[in-house]
Amino acid sequence: MASLMGMARMQLAVLMGNDAAAMPGVDAPQAEPIGPVIYWRHPDGLPEWSSSLRQTADGRVFLPVLASEDLSLGPAPEPSTEMAMVETGERTILYYRNPMGLPDTSPVPKQDSMGMDYIAVYDGEDNDDGSVTVSPGKLQRSGVRTAEAVLAPLAATWRAPGIVELDERRISVISLRADAFIETVANVTTGSMIREGAPLVTLYSPEIAAALAQFLTDVRSDGRLGEGARQRLENLGVPGEVIDRIATEGQTTVSIPIMAPRSGVVLERMAVEGMMSEAGETLFRIADTSTVWVIAEVPEAALMEIVVGAEVRVSFRGLTDGPIPGRIDTIYPEVDMMTRTC
């Protein structure tokens, strides 16, 4: 209420032509500063400010400046000089500039196409370096942060959705090279993990049995390994350890075991005990999951930022162990026409 009364008295004094400060009982209104602390200033009024609470060299605390207080932090101009320039008109007008900030000036007063007066530019206000000065208080409120400029490579972070797929180079298909009857099948099914060298099936093939008998005959008659018969067995897919065991023991076998060529997960099981399998028919599909692919859809605008061999991190929503490191192995030489991703 005291502030409102003071302002009313000042307005009355202006209407009456008197100086409000000279009227009896009238004091210039002094509004209490309000708002948050924007910055801190030197207690002696020196041109020294701080964005956080600090002390002077002699241990005095900087004074807080609230949002409603004056944000002009530069050195105050000499009152007498500025008042003299305003009152006597000593300031020199250099030119008039466009009120909308367009690069258009005029040596004489004029208006633009919308009827707006050009703004006068006085001597000392013209700045040709294009710099803009902002007070520390406004910088503090707008959240501007500064840092030292250094010469360093720029690092960009790109996030892209992806799908996990099996490595095509780590998938094996187990099939026969001759017609055979499946005698036994290992106790595995789709999704089972299997080790390299573990038996998958045992089979009987008339063609393989005839080749084994010929190989054993050559070994017994010549006293040495029959190279032709051995090569025939290898072509029919008989494991090398089975051939070596027959050559050492001198006895053939009827059932031939087929081993897993790699460790991994069983993707497909087509073998059934007692079935007749033709040459080329798939019995098992096994995939090594120790290394997988992540097919990521990278935006077309980011293709210049990625290179083969760059390190990446893969995160899964269902895993809480954190991101898994990886590397870019291949960049496909085509862009999806619908999503504009590669």
C-alpha atoms as a PDB file:
ATOM      1  CA  MET A   1       0.000   0.000   0.000  1.00  0.00           C
ATOM      2  CA  ALA A   2       2.831   2.413   0.772  1.00  0.00           C
ATOM      3  CA  SER A   3       4.291   1.828  -2.669  1.00  0.00           C
ATOM      4  CA  LEU A   4       0.924   2.477  -4.368  1.00  0.00           C
ATOM      5  CA  MET A   5       0.454   5.691  -2.387  1.00  0.00           C
ATOM      6  CA  GLY A   6       3.888   6.897  -3.375  1.00  0.00           C
ATOM      7  CA  MET A   7       3.229   6.255  -7.050  1.00  0.00           C
ATOM      8  CA  ALA A   8      -0.117   8.117  -6.858  1.00  0.00           C
ATOM      9  CA  ARG A   9       1.562  11.133  -5.298  1.00  0.00           C
ATOM     10  CA  MET A  10       4.219  11.149  -7.989  1.00  0.00           C
ATOM     11  CA  GLN A  11       1.605  11.082 -10.759  1.00  0.00           C
ATOM     12  CA  LEU A  12      -0.229  13.960  -9.069  1.00  0.00           C
ATOM     13  CA  ALA A  13       2.983  15.929  -8.851  1.00  0.00           C
ATOM     14  CA  VAL A  14       3.669  15.440 -12.547  1.00  0.00           C
ATOM     15  CA  LEU A  15       0.176  16.689 -13.449  1.00  0.00           C
ATOM     16  CA  MET A  16       0.662  19.758 -11.248  1.00  0.00           C
ATOM     17  CA  GLY A  17       4.082  20.502 -12.736  1.00  0.00           C
ATOM     18  CA  ASN A  18       6.008  20.011  -9.521  1.00  0.00           C
ATOM     19  CA  ASP A  19       8.974  17.835  -8.700  1.00  0.00           C
ATOM     20  CA  ALA A  20       7.754  14.788  -6.771  1.00  0.00           C
ATOM     21  CA  ALA A  21      10.907  14.699  -4.706  1.00  0.00           C
ATOM     22  CA  ALA A  22      10.398  18.333  -3.631  1.00  0.00           C
ATOM     23  CA  MET A  23       6.815  17.879  -2.487  1.00  0.00           C
ATOM     24  CA  PRO A  24       6.410  17.632   1.272  1.00  0.00           C
ATOM     25  CA  GLY A  25       5.734  14.219   2.579  1.00  0.00           C
ATOM     26  CA  VAL A  26       6.378  12.577  -0.805  1.00  0.00           C
ATOM     27  CA  ASP A  27       9.163  10.062  -1.106  1.00  0.00           C
ATOM     28  CA  ALA A  28      10.218   8.305  -4.297  1.00  0.00           C
ATOM     29  CA  PRO A  29       8.783   4.804  -4.243  1.00  0.00           C
ATOM     30  CA  GLN A  30      11.324   2.109  -3.575  1.00  0.00           C
ATOM     31  CA  ALA A  31       9.973  -1.302  -4.624  1.00  0.00           C
ATOM     32  CA  GLU A  32      11.360  -4.272  -2.783  1.00  0.00           C
ATOM     33  CA  PRO A  33      13.450  -6.520  -5.071  1.00  0.00           C
ATOM     34  CA  ILE A  34      11.735  -9.808  -5.847  1.00  0.00           C
ATOM     35  CA  GLY A  35      12.502 -12.949  -7.814  1.00  0.00           C
ATOM     36  CA  PRO A  36      15.269 -15.554  -7.680  1.00  0.00           C
ATOM     37  CA  VAL A  37      18.958 -14.740  -7.408  1.00  0.00           C
ATOM     38  CA  ILE A  38      20.305 -14.274 -10.930  1.00  0.00           C
ATOM     39  CA  TYR A  39      23.950 -13.559 -10.113  1.00  0.00           C
ATOM     40  CA  TRP A  40      26.210 -12.062  -7.458  1.00  0.00           C
ATOM     41  CA  ARG A  41      28.015  -8.700  -7.664  1.00  0.00           C
ATOM     42  CA  HIS A  42      31.048  -7.218  -5.950  1.00  0.00           C
ATOM     43  CA  PRO A  43      30.156  -5.558  -2.617  1.00  0.00           C
ATOM     44  CA  ASP A  44      32.089  -2.419  -3.590  1.00  0.00           C
ATOM     45  CA  GLY A  45      30.287  -1.998  -6.931  1.00  0.00           C
ATOM     46  CA  LEU A  46      33.344  -2.999  -8.961  1.00  0.00           C
ATOM     47  CA  PRO A  47      32.740  -4.482 -12.454  1.00  0.00           C
ATOM     48  CA  GLU A  48      33.074  -8.013 -11.143  1.00  0.00           C
ATOM     49  CA  TRP A  49      30.258 -10.575 -11.104  1.00  0.00           C
ATOM     50  CA  SER A  50      29.813 -14.282 -10.443  1.00  0.00           C
ATOM     51  CA  SER A  51      27.210 -16.877 -11.430  1.00  0.00           C
ATOM     52  CA  SER A  52      27.611 -18.590  -8.032  1.00  0.00           C
ATOM     53  CA  LEU A  53      28.165 -17.476  -4.457  1.00  0.00           C
ATOM     54  CA  ARG A  54      31.769 -16.430  -3.852  1.00  0.00           C
ATOM     55  CA  GLN A  55      33.926 -14.110  -1.726  1.00  0.00           C
ATOM     56  CA  THR A  56      36.360 -11.286  -2.375  1.00  0.00           C
ATOM     57  CA  ALA A  57      40.063 -11.554  -1.741  1.00  0.00           C
ATOM     58  CA  ASP A  58      39.609 -10.043   1.720  1.00  0.00           C
ATOM     59  CA  GLY A  59      36.817 -12.513   2.648  1.00  0.00           C
ATOM     60  CA  ARG A  60      33.697 -10.423   2.017  1.00  0.00           C
ATOM     61  CA  VAL A  61      30.701 -12.146   0.448  1.00  0.00           C
ATOM     62  CA  PHE A  62      29.373 -11.031  -2.946  1.00  0.00           C
ATOM     63  CA  LEU A  63      25.916  -9.421  -2.873  1.00  0.00           C
ATOM     64  CA  PRO A  64      22.977 -11.245  -4.540  1.00  0.00           C
ATOM     65  CA  VAL A  65      21.121  -9.581  -7.426  1.00  0.00           C
ATOM     66  CA  LEU A  66      17.476 -10.592  -7.756  1.00  0.00           C
ATOM     67  CA  ALA A  67      15.477 -10.881 -10.990  1.00  0.00           C
ATOM     68  CA  SER A  68      13.612  -7.593 -10.484  1.00  0.00           C
ATOM     69  CA  GLU A  69      16.775  -5.573  -9.962  1.00  0.00           C
ATOM     70  CA  ASP A  70      18.723  -3.786 -12.649  1.00  0.00           C
ATOM     71  CA  LEU A  71      20.379  -6.280 -15.021  1.00  0.00           C
ATOM     72  CA  SER A  72      22.769  -3.746 -16.531  1.00  0.00           C
ATOM     73  CA  LEU A  73      26.163  -4.969 -15.327  1.00  0.00           C
ATOM     74  CA  GLY A  74      28.428  -2.703 -17.327  1.00  0.00           C
ATOM     75  CA  PRO A  75      30.084   0.398 -15.903  1.00  0.00           C
ATOM     76  CA  ALA A  76      27.548   3.173 -15.356  1.00  0.00           C
ATOM     77  CA  PRO A  77      28.009   6.174 -17.656  1.00  0.00           C
ATOM     78  CA  GLU A  78      28.743   9.552 -16.226  1.00  0.00           C
ATOM     79  CA  PRO A  79      25.358  11.071 -15.380  1.00  0.00           C
ATOM     80  CA  SER A  80      26.371  14.603 -16.118  1.00  0.00           C
ATOM     81  CA  THR A  81      27.751  13.810 -19.561  1.00  0.00           C
ATOM     82  CA  GLU A  82      24.768  11.707 -20.703  1.00  0.00           C
ATOM     83  CA  MET A  83      22.222  14.206 -19.389  1.00  0.00           C
ATOM     84  CA  ALA A  84      24.051  17.004 -21.138  1.00  0.00           C
ATOM     85  CA  MET A  85      24.014  15.108 -24.439  1.00  0.00           C
ATOM     86  CA  VAL A  86      20.304  14.397 -24.153  1.00  0.00           C
ATOM     87  CA  GLU A  87      19.330  17.882 -23.066  1.00  0.00           C
ATOM     88  CA  THR A  88      21.529  19.867 -25.433  1.00  0.00           C
ATOM     89  CA  GLY A  89      21.265  17.470 -28.360  1.00  0.00           C
ATOM     90  CA  GLU A  90      25.048  17.075 -28.721  1.00  0.00           C
ATOM     91  CA  ARG A  91      24.764  13.435 -29.929  1.00  0.00           C
ATOM     92  CA  THR A  92      25.333  13.099 -33.620  1.00  0.00           C
ATOM     93  CA  ILE A  93      23.028  10.927 -35.715  1.00  0.00           C
ATOM     94  CA  LEU A  94      25.099   8.813 -38.081  1.00  0.00           C
ATOM     95  CA  TYR A  95      22.244   7.318 -40.125  1.00  0.00           C
ATOM     96  CA  TYR A  96      18.833   5.692 -39.873  1.00  0.00           C
ATOM     97  CA  ARG A  97      18.418   1.915 -39.968  1.00  0.00           C
ATOM     98  CA  ASN A  98      15.527  -0.307 -40.995  1.00  0.00           C
ATOM     99  CA  PRO A  99      13.184  -0.998 -38.041  1.00  0.00           C
ATOM    100  CA  MET A 100      12.882  -4.669 -39.049  1.00  0.00           C
ATOM    101  CA  GLY A 101      16.625  -5.261 -38.992  1.00  0.00           C
ATOM    102  CA  LEU A 102      17.019  -5.438 -42.770  1.00  0.00           C
ATOM    103  CA  PRO A 103      20.345  -4.300 -44.294  1.00  0.00           C
ATOM    104  CA  ASP A 104      18.883  -0.973 -45.390  1.00  0.00           C
ATOM    105  CA  THR A 105      20.023   2.431 -44.103  1.00  0.00           C
ATOM    106  CA  SER A 106      19.219   6.026 -44.929  1.00  0.00           C
ATOM    107  CA  PRO A 107      21.069   9.299 -44.275  1.00  0.00           C
ATOM    108  CA  VAL A 108      17.736  11.076 -43.672  1.00  0.00           C
ATOM    109  CA  PRO A 109      14.584  10.087 -41.740  1.00  0.00           C
ATOM    110  CA  LYS A 110      12.221   7.874 -43.744  1.00  0.00           C
ATOM    111  CA  GLN A 111       9.621   5.137 -43.428  1.00  0.00           C
ATOM    112  CA  ASP A 112       9.497   1.622 -44.753  1.00  0.00           C
ATOM    113  CA  SER A 113       6.751   0.121 -46.911  1.00  0.00           C
ATOM    114  CA  MET A 114       4.602  -0.551 -43.836  1.00  0.00           C
ATOM    115  CA  GLY A 115       4.805   3.006 -42.547  1.00  0.00           C
ATOM    116  CA  MET A 116       7.284   2.295 -39.749  1.00  0.00           C
ATOM    117  CA  ASP A 117       9.843   5.000 -38.987  1.00  0.00           C
ATOM    118  CA  TYR A 118      13.499   4.183 -39.424  1.00  0.00           C
ATOM    119  CA  ILE A 119      15.473   4.106 -36.180  1.00  0.00           C
ATOM    120  CA  ALA A 120      18.231   6.659 -35.593  1.00  0.00           C
ATOM    121  CA  VAL A 121      21.745   5.367 -34.942  1.00  0.00           C
ATOM    122  CA  TYR A 122      23.874   7.778 -32.891  1.00  0.00           C
ATOM    123  CA  ASP A 123      27.605   8.196 -32.735  1.00  0.00           C
ATOM    124  CA  GLY A 124      29.057   5.477 -30.515  1.00  0.00           C
ATOM    125  CA  GLU A 125      26.175   3.057 -31.088  1.00  0.00           C
ATOM    126  CA  ASP A 126      27.387   1.857 -34.465  1.00  0.00           C
ATOM    127  CA  ASN A 127      29.202  -1.469 -34.209  1.00  0.00           C
ATOM    128  CA  ASP A 128      30.685  -2.895 -37.367  1.00  0.00           C
ATOM    129  CA  ASP A 129      32.089  -6.118 -35.889  1.00  0.00           C
ATOM    130  CA  GLY A 130      28.644  -7.747 -35.716  1.00  0.00           C
ATOM    131  CA  SER A 131      29.005  -8.637 -32.045  1.00  0.00           C
ATOM    132  CA  VAL A 132      26.054  -8.774 -29.647  1.00  0.00           C
ATOM    133  CA  THR A 133      26.503  -7.996 -25.969  1.00  0.00           C
ATOM    134  CA  VAL A 134      24.273  -9.700 -23.413  1.00  0.00           C
ATOM    135  CA  SER A 135      24.410  -8.947 -19.713  1.00  0.00           C
ATOM    136  CA  PRO A 136      25.503 -11.753 -17.362  1.00  0.00           C
ATOM    137  CA  GLY A 137      22.086 -11.676 -15.707  1.00  0.00           C
ATOM    138  CA  LYS A 138      20.286 -12.552 -18.927  1.00  0.00           C
ATOM    139  CA  LEU A 139      22.895 -15.191 -19.696  1.00  0.00           C
ATOM    140  CA  GLN A 140      22.295 -16.746 -16.301  1.00  0.00           C
ATOM    141  CA  ARG A 141      18.510 -16.840 -16.760  1.00  0.00           C
ATOM    142  CA  SER A 142      18.699 -18.289 -20.282  1.00  0.00           C
ATOM    143  CA  GLY A 143      20.999 -21.145 -19.197  1.00  0.00           C
ATOM    144  CA  VAL A 144      23.890 -20.261 -21.528  1.00  0.00           C
ATOM    145  CA  ARG A 145      27.117 -22.092 -20.762  1.00  0.00           C
ATOM    146  CA  THR A 146      30.557 -21.324 -22.113  1.00  0.00           C
ATOM    147  CA  ALA A 147      33.571 -23.566 -22.628  1.00  0.00           C
ATOM    148  CA  GLU A 148      37.096 -23.194 -23.929  1.00  0.00           C
ATOM    149  CA  ALA A 149      37.415 -23.810 -27.660  1.00  0.00           C
ATOM    150  CA  VAL A 150      39.784 -26.691 -28.377  1.00  0.00           C
ATOM    151  CA  LEU A 151      40.930 -28.475 -31.514  1.00  0.00           C
ATOM    152  CA  ALA A 152      39.451 -31.982 -31.213  1.00  0.00           C
ATOM    153  CA  PRO A 153      37.474 -34.416 -33.373  1.00  0.00           C
ATOM    154  CA  LEU A 154      33.698 -34.146 -33.193  1.00  0.00           C
ATOM    155  CA  ALA A 155      31.890 -37.203 -31.858  1.00  0.00           C
ATOM    156  CA  ALA A 156      28.313 -37.826 -32.987  1.00  0.00           C
ATOM    157  CA  THR A 157      25.942 -40.314 -31.357  1.00  0.00           C
ATOM    158  CA  TRP A 158      23.365 -42.051 -33.527  1.00  0.00           C
ATOM    159  CA  ARG A 159      20.597 -44.325 -32.260  1.00  0.00           C
ATOM    160  CA  ALA A 160      18.917 -46.748 -34.633  1.00  0.00           C
ATOM    161  CA  PRO A 161      16.492 -49.658 -34.174  1.00  0.00           C
ATOM    162  CA  GLY A 162      17.759 -53.103 -35.098  1.00  0.00           C
ATOM    163  CA  ILE A 163      16.845 -56.773 -35.354  1.00  0.00           C
ATOM    164  CA  VAL A 164      19.047 -59.637 -34.134  1.00  0.00           C
ATOM    165  CA  GLU A 165      19.708 -62.263 -36.801  1.00  0.00           C
ATOM    166  CA  LEU A 166      21.925 -65.332 -37.079  1.00  0.00           C
ATOM    167  CA  ASP A 167      25.284 -65.088 -38.776  1.00  0.00           C
ATOM    168  CA  GLU A 168      24.784 -66.787 -42.133  1.00  0.00           C
ATOM    169  CA  ARG A 169      28.400 -67.944 -42.085  1.00  0.00           C
ATOM    170  CA  ARG A 170      27.822 -69.973 -38.892  1.00  0.00           C
ATOM    171  CA  ILE A 171      24.874 -72.134 -39.990  1.00  0.00           C
ATOM    172  CA  SER A 172      25.415 -75.813 -40.907  1.00  0.00           C
ATOM    173  CA  VAL A 173      23.076 -78.182 -42.728  1.00  0.00           C
ATOM    174  CA  ILE A 174      23.478 -81.934 -42.047  1.00  0.00           C
ATOM    175  CA  SER A 175      22.366 -84.046 -45.000  1.00  0.00           C
ATOM    176  CA  LEU A 176      23.386 -87.399 -46.549  1.00  0.00           C
ATOM    177  CA  ARG A 177      25.260 -88.004 -49.798  1.00  0.00           C
ATOM    178  CA  ALA A 178      23.677 -91.408 -50.326  1.00  0.00           C
ATOM    179  CA  ASP A 179      20.340 -93.069 -49.667  1.00  0.00           C
ATOM    180  CA  ALA A 180      20.247 -94.451 -46.115  1.00  0.00           C
ATOM    181  CA  PHE A 181      18.008 -95.732 -43.354  1.00  0.00           C
ATOM    182  CA  ILE A 182      18.036 -93.784 -40.063  1.00  0.00           C
ATOM    183  CA  GLU A 183      18.602 -96.214 -37.189  1.00  0.00           C
ATOM    184  CA  THR A 184      18.922 -93.917 -34.149  1.00  0.00           C
ATOM    185  CA  VAL A 185      18.572 -90.164 -33.538  1.00  0.00           C
ATOM    186  CA  ALA A 186      20.130 -88.166 -30.704  1.00  0.00           C
ATOM    187  CA  ASN A 187      17.857 -86.893 -27.933  1.00  0.00           C
ATOM    188  CA  VAL A 188      17.724 -83.327 -29.270  1.00  0.00           C
ATOM    189  CA  THR A 189      14.961 -81.205 -30.686  1.00  0.00           C
ATOM    190  CA  THR A 190      14.492 -77.718 -32.115  1.00  0.00           C
ATOM    191  CA  GLY A 191      16.071 -75.216 -29.719  1.00  0.00           C
ATOM    192  CA  SER A 192      18.398 -77.733 -28.051  1.00  0.00           C
ATOM    193  CA  MET A 193      22.063 -76.848 -27.568  1.00  0.00           C
ATOM    194  CA  ILE A 194      24.581 -79.315 -28.937  1.00  0.00           C
ATOM    195  CA  ARG A 195      28.388 -79.594 -28.808  1.00  0.00           C
ATOM    196  CA  GLU A 196      30.703 -80.022 -31.750  1.00  0.00           C
ATOM    197  CA  GLY A 197      31.432 -83.721 -32.368  1.00  0.00           C
ATOM    198  CA  ALA A 198      28.341 -84.993 -30.553  1.00  0.00           C
ATOM    199  CA  PRO A 199      26.535 -87.866 -32.403  1.00  0.00           C
ATOM    200  CA  LEU A 200      23.371 -86.850 -34.208  1.00  0.00           C
ATOM    201  CA  VAL A 201      22.244 -89.992 -36.021  1.00  0.00           C
ATOM    202  CA  THR A 202      23.427 -93.493 -36.898  1.00  0.00           C
ATOM    203  CA  LEU A 203      22.444 -94.838 -40.309  1.00  0.00           C
ATOM    204  CA  TYR A 204      22.763 -97.789 -42.654  1.00  0.00           C
ATOM    205  CA  SER A 205      23.401 -97.174 -46.330  1.00  0.00           C
ATOM    206  CA  PRO A 206      23.894-100.036 -48.819  1.00  0.00           C
ATOM    207  CA  GLU A 207      26.145 -97.845 -50.969  1.00  0.00           C
ATOM    208  CA  ILE A 208      28.341 -96.851 -48.009  1.00  0.00           C
ATOM    209  CA  ALA A 209      28.493-100.462 -46.783  1.00  0.00           C
ATOM    210  CA  ALA A 210      29.721-101.613 -50.224  1.00  0.00           C
ATOM    211  CA  ALA A 211      32.386 -98.892 -50.242  1.00  0.00           C
ATOM    212  CA  LEU A 212      33.525 -99.926 -46.738  1.00  0.00           C
ATOM    213  CA  ALA A 213      33.849-103.564 -47.785  1.00  0.00           C
ATOM    214  CA  GLN A 214      35.917-102.581 -50.831  1.00  0.00           C
ATOM    215  CA  PHE A 215      38.153-100.390 -48.671  1.00  0.00           C
ATOM    216  CA  LEU A 216      38.725-103.194 -46.130  1.00  0.00           C
ATOM    217  CA  THR A 217      39.541-105.647 -48.949  1.00  0.00           C
ATOM    218  CA  ASP A 218      42.146-103.295 -50.378  1.00  0.00           C
ATOM    219  CA  VAL A 219      43.728-102.834 -46.976  1.00  0.00           C
ATOM    220  CA  ARG A 220      43.941-106.601 -46.312  1.00  0.00           C
ATOM    221  CA  SER A 221      45.212-107.545 -49.758  1.00  0.00           C
ATOM    222  CA  ASP A 222      47.778-104.799 -50.339  1.00  0.00           C
ATOM    223  CA  GLY A 223      48.763-104.225 -46.748  1.00  0.00           C
ATOM    224  CA  ARG A 224      48.349-100.520 -47.224  1.00  0.00           C
ATOM    225  CA  LEU A 225      45.571 -97.974 -47.328  1.00  0.00           C
ATOM    226  CA  GLY A 226      43.589 -98.067 -50.550  1.00  0.00           C
ATOM    227  CA  GLU A 227      43.651 -94.457 -51.644  1.00  0.00           C
ATOM    228  CA  GLY A 228      40.864 -94.847 -54.181  1.00  0.00           C
ATOM    229  CA  ALA A 229      38.531 -96.659 -51.793  1.00  0.00           C
ATOM    230  CA  ARG A 230      39.284 -94.137 -49.034  1.00  0.00           C
ATOM    231  CA  GLN A 231      38.508 -91.237 -51.325  1.00  0.00           C
ATOM    232  CA  ARG A 232      35.204 -92.858 -52.248  1.00  0.00           C
ATOM    233  CA  LEU A 233      34.225 -93.147 -48.566  1.00  0.00           C
ATOM    234  CA  GLU A 234      35.105 -89.481 -47.948  1.00  0.00           C
ATOM    235  CA  ASN A 235      32.996 -88.476 -50.922  1.00  0.00           C
ATOM    236  CA  LEU A 236      30.050 -90.363 -49.410  1.00  0.00           C
ATOM    237  CA  GLY A 237      30.408 -88.362 -46.179  1.00  0.00           C
ATOM    238  CA  VAL A 238      31.870 -91.061 -43.923  1.00  0.00           C
ATOM    239  CA  PRO A 239      33.765 -89.374 -41.047  1.00  0.00           C
ATOM    240  CA  GLY A 240      37.548 -89.624 -41.196  1.00  0.00           C
ATOM    241  CA  GLU A 241      37.832 -91.118 -37.718  1.00  0.00           C
ATOM    242  CA  VAL A 242      35.536 -93.983 -38.759  1.00  0.00           C
ATOM    243  CA  ILE A 243      37.719 -94.721 -41.818  1.00  0.00           C
ATOM    244  CA  ASP A 244      40.904 -94.692 -39.688  1.00  0.00           C
ATOM    245  CA  ARG A 245      39.357 -97.012 -37.089  1.00  0.00           C
ATOM    246  CA  ILE A 246      38.341 -99.562 -39.781  1.00  0.00           C
ATOM    247  CA  ALA A 247      41.832 -99.456 -41.312  1.00  0.00           C
ATOM    248  CA  THR A 248      43.442-100.010 -37.887  1.00  0.00           C
ATOM    249  CA  GLU A 249      41.104-102.720 -36.573  1.00  0.00           C
ATOM    250  CA  GLY A 250      40.637-104.477 -39.903  1.00  0.00           C
ATOM    251  CA  GLN A 251      36.912-104.851 -39.343  1.00  0.00           C
ATOM    252  CA  THR A 252      34.084-103.053 -41.108  1.00  0.00           C
ATOM    253  CA  THR A 253      30.898-101.728 -39.538  1.00  0.00           C
ATOM    254  CA  VAL A 254      27.312-101.545 -40.675  1.00  0.00           C
ATOM    255  CA  SER A 255      26.068 -98.495 -38.724  1.00  0.00           C
ATOM    256  CA  ILE A 256      27.751 -95.194 -39.574  1.00  0.00           C
ATOM    257  CA  PRO A 257      27.523 -92.327 -37.032  1.00  0.00           C
ATOM    258  CA  ILE A 258      27.070 -88.711 -38.173  1.00  0.00           C
ATOM    259  CA  MET A 259      28.544 -86.055 -35.836  1.00  0.00           C
ATOM    260  CA  ALA A 260      27.626 -82.403 -35.245  1.00  0.00           C
ATOM    261  CA  PRO A 261      30.000 -80.222 -37.308  1.00  0.00           C
ATOM    262  CA  ARG A 262      29.809 -77.290 -34.861  1.00  0.00           C
ATOM    263  CA  SER A 263      28.501 -76.257 -31.456  1.00  0.00           C
ATOM    264  CA  GLY A 264      25.272 -74.306 -31.405  1.00  0.00           C
ATOM    265  CA  VAL A 265      21.512 -74.488 -31.276  1.00  0.00           C
ATOM    266  CA  VAL A 266      19.374 -76.888 -33.311  1.00  0.00           C
ATOM    267  CA  LEU A 267      17.262 -74.811 -35.683  1.00  0.00           C
ATOM    268  CA  GLU A 268      15.553 -77.704 -37.428  1.00  0.00           C
ATOM    269  CA  ARG A 269      15.264 -81.471 -36.879  1.00  0.00           C
ATOM    270  CA  MET A 270      13.903 -83.549 -39.728  1.00  0.00           C
ATOM    271  CA  ALA A 271      15.461 -86.918 -38.818  1.00  0.00           C
ATOM    272  CA  VAL A 272      13.123 -89.594 -37.425  1.00  0.00           C
ATOM    273  CA  GLU A 273      14.142 -93.088 -36.358  1.00  0.00           C
ATOM    274  CA  GLY A 274      13.423 -95.717 -39.004  1.00  0.00           C
ATOM    275  CA  MET A 275      12.855 -93.267 -41.850  1.00  0.00           C
ATOM    276  CA  MET A 276      14.381 -93.618 -45.299  1.00  0.00           C
ATOM    277  CA  SER A 277      16.431 -90.555 -46.170  1.00  0.00           C
ATOM    278  CA  GLU A 278      17.329 -89.817 -49.756  1.00  0.00           C
ATOM    279  CA  ALA A 279      20.611 -88.259 -50.779  1.00  0.00           C
ATOM    280  CA  GLY A 280      20.569 -84.489 -50.234  1.00  0.00           C
ATOM    281  CA  GLU A 281      17.641 -84.491 -47.825  1.00  0.00           C
ATOM    282  CA  THR A 282      18.158 -82.240 -44.782  1.00  0.00           C
ATOM    283  CA  LEU A 283      18.296 -84.010 -41.434  1.00  0.00           C
ATOM    284  CA  PHE A 284      19.431 -81.156 -39.125  1.00  0.00           C
ATOM    285  CA  ARG A 285      20.181 -77.415 -39.241  1.00  0.00           C
ATOM    286  CA  ILE A 286      22.551 -76.125 -36.548  1.00  0.00           C
ATOM    287  CA  ALA A 287      23.540 -72.477 -35.931  1.00  0.00           C
ATOM    288  CA  ASP A 288      26.445 -71.146 -33.871  1.00  0.00           C
ATOM    289  CA  THR A 289      25.044 -68.321 -31.684  1.00  0.00           C
ATOM    290  CA  SER A 290      28.349 -67.222 -30.171  1.00  0.00           C
ATOM    291  CA  THR A 291      28.349 -64.378 -32.724  1.00  0.00           C
ATOM    292  CA  VAL A 292      25.163 -62.821 -34.097  1.00  0.00           C
ATOM    293  CA  TRP A 293      24.271 -59.962 -36.396  1.00  0.00           C
ATOM    294  CA  VAL A 294      22.255 -56.873 -35.515  1.00  0.00           C
ATOM    295  CA  ILE A 295      20.665 -55.457 -38.659  1.00  0.00           C
ATOM    296  CA  ALA A 296      20.231 -51.752 -37.812  1.00  0.00           C
ATOM    297  CA  GLU A 297      18.216 -49.278 -39.864  1.00  0.00           C
ATOM    298  CA  VAL A 298      20.503 -46.248 -40.034  1.00  0.00           C
ATOM    299  CA  PRO A 299      19.018 -43.008 -41.453  1.00  0.00           C
ATOM    300  CA  GLU A 300      20.302 -41.889 -44.812  1.00  0.00           C
ATOM    301  CA  ALA A 301      21.571 -38.631 -43.288  1.00  0.00           C
ATOM    302  CA  ALA A 302      23.931 -40.574 -40.983  1.00  0.00           C
ATOM    303  CA  LEU A 303      25.637 -42.687 -43.653  1.00  0.00           C
ATOM    304  CA  MET A 304      28.582 -40.277 -43.872  1.00  0.00           C
ATOM    305  CA  GLU A 305      29.142 -40.590 -40.110  1.00  0.00           C
ATOM    306  CA  ILE A 306      29.525 -44.390 -39.914  1.00  0.00           C
ATOM    307  CA  VAL A 307      32.431 -46.514 -41.142  1.00  0.00           C
ATOM    308  CA  VAL A 308      33.226 -50.208 -41.143  1.00  0.00           C
ATOM    309  CA  GLY A 309      35.030 -51.192 -37.952  1.00  0.00           C
ATOM    310  CA  ALA A 310      33.538 -48.432 -35.786  1.00  0.00           C
ATOM    311  CA  GLU A 311      32.595 -49.445 -32.246  1.00  0.00           C
ATOM    312  CA  VAL A 312      28.891 -49.631 -31.351  1.00  0.00           C
ATOM    313  CA  ARG A 313      26.829 -50.537 -28.309  1.00  0.00           C
ATOM    314  CA  VAL A 314      23.729 -52.705 -28.536  1.00  0.00           C
ATOM    315  CA  SER A 315      21.022 -52.461 -25.871  1.00  0.00           C
ATOM    316  CA  PHE A 316      18.154 -54.913 -25.393  1.00  0.00           C
ATOM    317  CA  ARG A 317      14.941 -54.053 -23.597  1.00  0.00           C
ATOM    318  CA  GLY A 318      14.738 -57.501 -22.056  1.00  0.00           C
ATOM    319  CA  LEU A 319      18.299 -57.469 -20.677  1.00  0.00           C
ATOM    320  CA  THR A 320      19.354 -55.419 -17.654  1.00  0.00           C
ATOM    321  CA  ASP A 321      23.079 -56.164 -17.831  1.00  0.00           C
ATOM    322  CA  GLY A 322      23.768 -53.011 -19.834  1.00  0.00           C
ATOM    323  CA  PRO A 323      24.761 -52.486 -23.468  1.00  0.00           C
ATOM    324  CA  ILE A 324      26.820 -55.096 -25.327  1.00  0.00           C
ATOM    325  CA  PRO A 325      29.835 -53.846 -27.320  1.00  0.00           C
ATOM    326  CA  GLY A 326      30.164 -54.626 -31.011  1.00  0.00           C
ATOM    327  CA  ARG A 327      31.601 -53.389 -34.298  1.00  0.00           C
ATOM    328  CA  ILE A 328      30.199 -52.416 -37.671  1.00  0.00           C
ATOM    329  CA  ASP A 329      30.974 -55.318 -39.988  1.00  0.00           C
ATOM    330  CA  THR A 330      29.112 -54.464 -43.193  1.00  0.00           C
ATOM    331  CA  ILE A 331      27.312 -51.456 -44.674  1.00  0.00           C
ATOM    332  CA  TYR A 332      24.795 -52.571 -47.259  1.00  0.00           C
ATOM    333  CA  PRO A 333      25.159 -50.676 -50.579  1.00  0.00           C
ATOM    334  CA  GLU A 334      21.454 -49.879 -50.890  1.00  0.00           C
ATOM    335  CA  VAL A 335      18.856 -47.602 -49.305  1.00  0.00           C
ATOM    336  CA  ASP A 336      15.291 -48.657 -48.522  1.00  0.00           C
ATOM    337  CA  MET A 337      12.990 -46.615 -50.748  1.00  0.00           C
ATOM    338  CA  MET A 338      10.197 -46.540 -48.148  1.00  0.00           C
ATOM    339  CA  THR A 339      12.068 -45.728 -44.932  1.00  0.00           C
ATOM    340  CA  ARG A 340      15.147 -44.033 -46.470  1.00  0.00           C
ATOM    341  CA  THR A 341      17.388 -46.113 -44.215  1.00  0.00           C
ATOM    342  CA  CYS A 342      20.345 -48.336 -44.919  1.00  0.00           C
END
